[in-house]
Amino acid sequence: MRRTAVGIAAAVARRRARVSENAVFVTDPAMQTLRRSQDRGYADHGWLKSHHSFSFAGYHDPAHMGWGNLRVINEDRVAPGTGFGKHGHRDMEIVSYVLEGELAHQDSMGNVKGIPPGDVQRMSAGTGVLHSEFNHAPNQTTHFLQIWILPDTTGIAPGYEQKTVPAAEKRGKLKLVAGPASAQGSVTIHADARMYAGLFDGDEAAELALDPARKGYVHVVRGSPDVNGHALAAGDALLLEGESRIALAHGKDAEVLVFDLVP
């Protein structure tokens, strides 16, 4: 008797059902996703060239709207004598991390600051703040990362903080540079998140323990390290979920930012 396709499919389904009654399935919630630098969004405004790790302004990618409570990482290069005019933010924790040149900051809280490489700046927008950011140098581009993290609580009073993190404190290790009020030695963000910075070259290596119930994110600022066995280059990122550690090794003039985030 010739069996139809429908009959065959039904028989297969019955066999699978019998197997599944006695089988033990083990699921592995761990996930590591590699995103290369060239896959980021990009905008060229002439005076500003910006790479967007997540959806921002004219770049929209539903698959990359943020990771945990990390909402924005923009890698910006600001031309000499130009900058961001006065504009507003609210209910966001904003961290600036300067790589080259200097960023001049002025805000409605009365802060007038210069942010050089090695400094970490935190601005809590809270109920609302106006600020501007400029590169006043006549011949040097300012290269920096602007990072936005969603706050735990909205409607707080705006705030500002800036700290210098010497290179020696990041050499061959992950130095906490931004974290909750309970964290020591870092700028304080009003969010359940921690941001670490590290410099790695040659045999230098470090590990960070993660709660598998949280998310991790590694952004390579420059150079090329291995992260959890993946070879990464400048601008690359590794997104982690269900993992218990982040391991960095085999750096070649590498600088990295590592985030410990809520799901």
Protein backbone atom coordinates (compact mmCIF):
# COMPACT_ATOMS: atom_id res chain seq x y z
CA MET A 1 0.00 0.00 0.00
CA ARG A 2 1.40 3.37 -0.96
CA ARG A 3 1.74 5.77 1.95
CA THR A 4 0.93 9.40 1.38
CA ALA A 5 3.15 12.28 2.52
CA VAL A 6 0.56 13.15 5.14
CA GLY A 7 0.60 9.60 6.49
CA ILE A 8 4.39 9.51 6.67
CA ALA A 9 4.45 12.85 8.50
CA ALA A 10 1.88 11.61 11.02
CA ALA A 11 3.89 8.44 11.69
CA VAL A 12 7.09 10.43 12.22
CA ALA A 13 5.26 12.74 14.62
CA ARG A 14 3.98 9.78 16.64
CA ARG A 15 7.50 8.30 16.89
CA ARG A 16 8.91 11.68 18.01
CA ALA A 17 6.17 11.96 20.62
CA ARG A 18 7.08 8.53 22.04
CA VAL A 19 10.77 9.47 22.17
CA SER A 20 10.10 12.79 23.86
CA GLU A 21 8.14 11.09 26.64
CA ASN A 22 11.30 9.31 27.80
CA ALA A 23 13.97 11.83 26.82
CA VAL A 24 15.69 14.34 29.09
CA PHE A 25 16.41 17.61 27.34
CA VAL A 26 19.20 19.85 28.59
CA THR A 27 19.07 23.48 27.51
CA ASP A 28 22.10 25.73 27.64
CA PRO A 29 21.05 29.35 28.25
CA ALA A 30 24.57 30.66 27.64
CA MET A 31 24.99 32.86 24.60
CA GLN A 32 27.89 34.77 23.11
CA THR A 33 27.22 37.02 20.12
CA LEU A 34 30.05 38.65 18.21
CA ARG A 35 29.32 41.94 16.46
CA ARG A 36 32.01 43.34 14.21
CA SER A 37 32.91 47.01 13.98
CA GLN A 38 31.74 47.32 10.38
CA ASP A 39 28.26 46.11 11.33
CA ARG A 40 27.61 49.19 13.46
CA GLY A 41 25.60 52.14 12.24
CA TYR A 42 27.57 55.05 10.79
CA ALA A 43 26.86 58.75 10.27
CA ASP A 44 29.12 61.31 8.60
CA HIS A 45 28.03 64.88 9.34
CA GLY A 46 31.25 66.43 8.11
CA TRP A 47 32.28 67.94 11.45
CA LEU A 48 31.23 64.72 13.24
CA LYS A 49 31.87 61.12 12.25
CA SER A 50 30.04 58.66 14.48
CA HIS A 51 29.72 54.88 14.77
CA HIS A 52 26.61 53.65 16.59
CA SER A 53 26.69 50.31 18.41
CA PHE A 54 22.94 50.59 18.99
CA SER A 55 20.06 52.37 17.27
CA PHE A 56 20.56 56.12 17.51
CA ALA A 57 19.23 59.18 15.65
CA GLY A 58 18.94 58.28 11.96
CA TYR A 59 20.28 54.75 12.47
CA HIS A 60 17.57 52.29 13.44
CA ASP A 61 18.04 48.54 13.77
CA PRO A 62 15.32 46.67 15.70
CA ALA A 63 17.85 43.92 16.48
CA HIS A 64 20.16 46.42 18.21
CA MET A 65 18.13 48.67 20.47
CA GLY A 66 20.45 48.19 23.44
CA TRP A 67 21.72 45.37 25.64
CA GLY A 68 20.27 45.08 29.12
CA ASN A 69 20.21 48.62 30.50
CA LEU A 70 23.02 49.73 28.17
CA ARG A 71 21.30 51.90 25.59
CA VAL A 72 23.98 53.79 23.62
CA ILE A 73 27.66 53.49 22.72
CA ASN A 74 28.61 56.10 20.15
CA GLU A 75 32.20 56.32 18.97
CA ASP A 76 32.53 59.98 17.95
CA ARG A 77 35.24 61.91 16.18
CA VAL A 78 34.73 65.66 16.42
CA ALA A 79 36.63 67.89 13.98
CA PRO A 80 38.82 70.75 15.29
CA GLY A 81 36.91 73.88 16.24
CA THR A 82 33.50 72.19 16.17
CA GLY A 83 31.15 70.41 18.54
CA PHE A 84 27.69 69.72 19.84
CA GLY A 85 25.74 72.92 20.54
CA LYS A 86 23.52 73.30 23.57
CA HIS A 87 20.99 70.47 23.75
CA GLY A 88 18.97 68.70 26.41
CA HIS A 89 18.73 65.29 28.08
CA ARG A 90 16.58 63.82 30.82
CA ASP A 91 16.41 60.55 32.76
CA MET A 92 19.64 59.05 31.44
CA GLU A 93 23.07 58.24 32.90
CA ILE A 94 25.63 59.55 30.39
CA VAL A 95 29.31 58.60 30.57
CA SER A 96 32.01 60.15 28.37
CA TYR A 97 35.33 58.35 27.84
CA VAL A 98 37.88 60.39 25.87
CA LEU A 99 40.53 58.60 23.81
CA GLU A 100 42.32 61.42 21.97
CA GLY A 101 42.17 65.20 22.12
CA GLU A 102 40.03 66.96 24.74
CA LEU A 103 36.31 67.49 25.11
CA ALA A 104 35.08 70.81 26.51
CA HIS A 105 31.88 70.43 28.53
CA GLN A 106 29.49 73.15 29.74
CA ASP A 107 26.07 72.60 31.29
CA SER A 108 23.08 74.25 32.95
CA MET A 109 24.30 73.05 36.37
CA GLY A 110 27.19 75.51 36.09
CA ASN A 111 29.92 73.01 35.21
CA VAL A 112 32.59 74.18 32.77
CA LYS A 113 35.10 71.37 32.37
CA GLY A 114 37.74 69.97 30.06
CA ILE A 115 37.76 66.17 29.71
CA PRO A 116 41.18 64.79 28.67
CA PRO A 117 42.13 61.18 27.88
CA GLY A 118 42.23 59.16 31.09
CA ASP A 119 39.25 60.96 32.65
CA VAL A 120 35.79 59.45 33.03
CA GLN A 121 32.89 61.88 33.14
CA ARG A 122 29.37 61.09 34.36
CA MET A 123 26.34 63.29 33.87
CA SER A 124 23.01 62.26 35.39
CA ALA A 125 20.36 64.02 33.30
CA GLY A 126 17.55 63.38 35.78
CA THR A 127 14.73 65.93 35.57
CA GLY A 128 16.53 67.68 32.74
CA VAL A 129 19.84 69.26 31.86
CA LEU A 130 21.20 71.37 29.00
CA HIS A 131 24.81 70.99 27.94
CA SER A 132 27.27 71.48 25.07
CA GLU A 133 30.41 69.60 24.07
CA PHE A 134 33.14 71.12 21.91
CA ASN A 135 36.58 70.45 20.53
CA HIS A 136 38.34 73.80 20.82
CA ALA A 137 41.69 72.50 19.51
CA PRO A 138 42.67 74.13 16.20
CA ASN A 139 44.44 71.08 14.73
CA GLN A 140 43.42 67.93 16.60
CA THR A 141 40.34 65.74 16.34
CA THR A 142 38.63 64.76 19.58
CA HIS A 143 37.92 61.02 19.67
CA PHE A 144 35.65 59.80 22.45
CA LEU A 145 32.95 57.34 23.44
CA GLN A 146 29.58 58.54 24.65
CA ILE A 147 27.71 55.90 26.65
CA TRP A 148 24.10 56.01 27.82
CA ILE A 149 22.78 53.74 30.57
CA LEU A 150 19.13 53.63 31.64
CA PRO A 151 18.72 54.78 35.25
CA ASP A 152 17.10 52.83 38.06
CA THR A 153 14.96 55.80 39.05
CA THR A 154 13.63 58.63 36.93
CA GLY A 155 13.09 62.20 38.02
CA ILE A 156 16.23 62.57 40.15
CA ALA A 157 18.15 65.84 40.45
CA PRO A 158 20.74 66.30 37.68
CA GLY A 159 24.32 65.62 38.70
CA TYR A 160 27.91 65.73 37.44
CA GLU A 161 31.10 63.89 38.35
CA GLN A 162 34.54 63.49 36.77
CA LYS A 163 37.50 61.38 37.81
CA THR A 164 40.97 60.67 36.46
CA VAL A 165 41.85 56.99 36.06
CA PRO A 166 45.63 56.55 35.64
CA ALA A 167 46.75 54.07 32.98
CA ALA A 168 48.65 52.09 35.64
CA GLU A 169 45.34 51.25 37.34
CA LYS A 170 44.02 49.71 34.09
CA ARG A 171 47.21 47.95 33.01
CA GLY A 172 46.65 44.18 32.82
CA LYS A 173 43.44 44.37 34.85
CA LEU A 174 39.82 45.50 34.71
CA LYS A 175 39.41 48.70 36.70
CA LEU A 176 35.92 49.70 37.80
CA VAL A 177 35.38 53.22 36.41
CA ALA A 178 31.58 53.64 36.75
CA GLY A 179 29.14 51.92 39.06
CA PRO A 180 26.41 52.27 41.69
CA ALA A 181 26.90 54.30 44.84
CA SER A 182 28.13 51.19 46.68
CA ALA A 183 31.07 50.85 44.27
CA GLN A 184 34.41 52.22 45.38
CA GLY A 185 36.70 54.55 43.45
CA SER A 186 34.50 55.03 40.39
CA VAL A 187 32.11 57.69 39.19
CA THR A 188 28.64 56.98 40.52
CA ILE A 189 25.82 56.10 38.14
CA HIS A 190 22.21 55.77 39.26
CA ALA A 191 21.84 52.39 37.58
CA ASP A 192 22.36 48.70 38.30
CA ALA A 193 25.38 48.52 36.03
CA ARG A 194 29.14 48.47 36.28
CA MET A 195 31.64 49.63 33.67
CA TYR A 196 35.27 48.48 33.73
CA ALA A 197 38.25 49.63 31.66
CA GLY A 198 41.42 47.66 30.96
CA LEU A 199 44.67 47.81 29.00
CA PHE A 200 46.17 44.54 27.75
CA ASP A 201 49.31 43.68 25.84
CA GLY A 202 51.34 40.51 25.46
CA ASP A 203 50.91 38.08 28.36
CA GLU A 204 48.63 40.36 30.37
CA ALA A 205 45.29 38.72 31.14
CA ALA A 206 42.29 39.23 33.40
CA GLU A 207 38.96 37.63 34.24
CA LEU A 208 35.71 39.11 35.52
CA ALA A 209 33.14 36.89 37.24
CA LEU A 210 29.57 37.36 36.00
CA ASP A 211 26.25 36.35 37.47
CA PRO A 212 24.74 34.16 34.71
CA ALA A 213 21.39 35.84 35.40
CA ARG A 214 22.87 39.15 34.19
CA LYS A 215 24.23 40.32 30.85
CA GLY A 216 27.78 41.19 29.86
CA TYR A 217 29.06 43.42 27.08
CA VAL A 218 32.64 43.92 25.90
CA HIS A 219 33.56 46.82 23.61
CA VAL A 220 37.06 46.97 22.13
CA VAL A 221 38.20 50.58 22.20
CA ARG A 222 41.44 49.95 20.29
CA GLY A 223 43.95 47.23 19.56
CA SER A 224 43.06 43.54 19.46
CA PRO A 225 42.43 41.21 22.42
CA ASP A 226 41.01 37.70 22.74
CA VAL A 227 37.75 37.72 24.72
CA ASN A 228 36.38 34.34 25.83
CA GLY A 229 38.37 32.78 23.01
CA HIS A 230 37.13 35.18 20.32
CA ALA A 231 39.67 37.30 18.46
CA LEU A 232 38.35 40.88 18.51
CA ALA A 233 39.58 44.12 16.95
CA ALA A 234 38.91 47.82 17.50
CA GLY A 235 35.19 48.60 17.38
CA ASP A 236 34.14 44.95 17.79
CA ALA A 237 31.83 43.88 20.60
CA LEU A 238 30.94 40.65 22.36
CA LEU A 239 27.45 40.33 23.87
CA LEU A 240 27.11 37.73 26.64
CA GLU A 241 24.08 36.17 28.28
CA GLY A 242 23.99 33.25 30.72
CA GLU A 243 27.79 33.35 31.09
CA SER A 244 29.72 33.12 34.36
CA ARG A 245 32.90 34.92 33.32
CA ILE A 246 34.60 37.25 30.89
CA ALA A 247 38.23 36.34 30.11
CA LEU A 248 40.63 38.68 28.32
CA ALA A 249 44.07 37.68 27.03
CA HIS A 250 46.58 37.95 24.16
CA GLY A 251 46.14 41.69 23.78
CA LYS A 252 48.00 43.72 21.19
CA ASP A 253 47.95 47.33 22.44
CA ALA A 254 44.34 46.63 23.45
CA GLU A 255 42.00 48.84 25.44
CA VAL A 256 38.59 47.47 26.37
CA LEU A 257 35.42 48.49 28.18
CA VAL A 258 33.47 45.74 29.95
CA PHE A 259 29.91 46.12 31.22
CA ASP A 260 28.03 44.11 33.85
CA LEU A 261 24.34 44.77 33.19
CA VAL A 262 20.82 43.85 34.26
CA PRO A 263 18.94 41.56 31.83
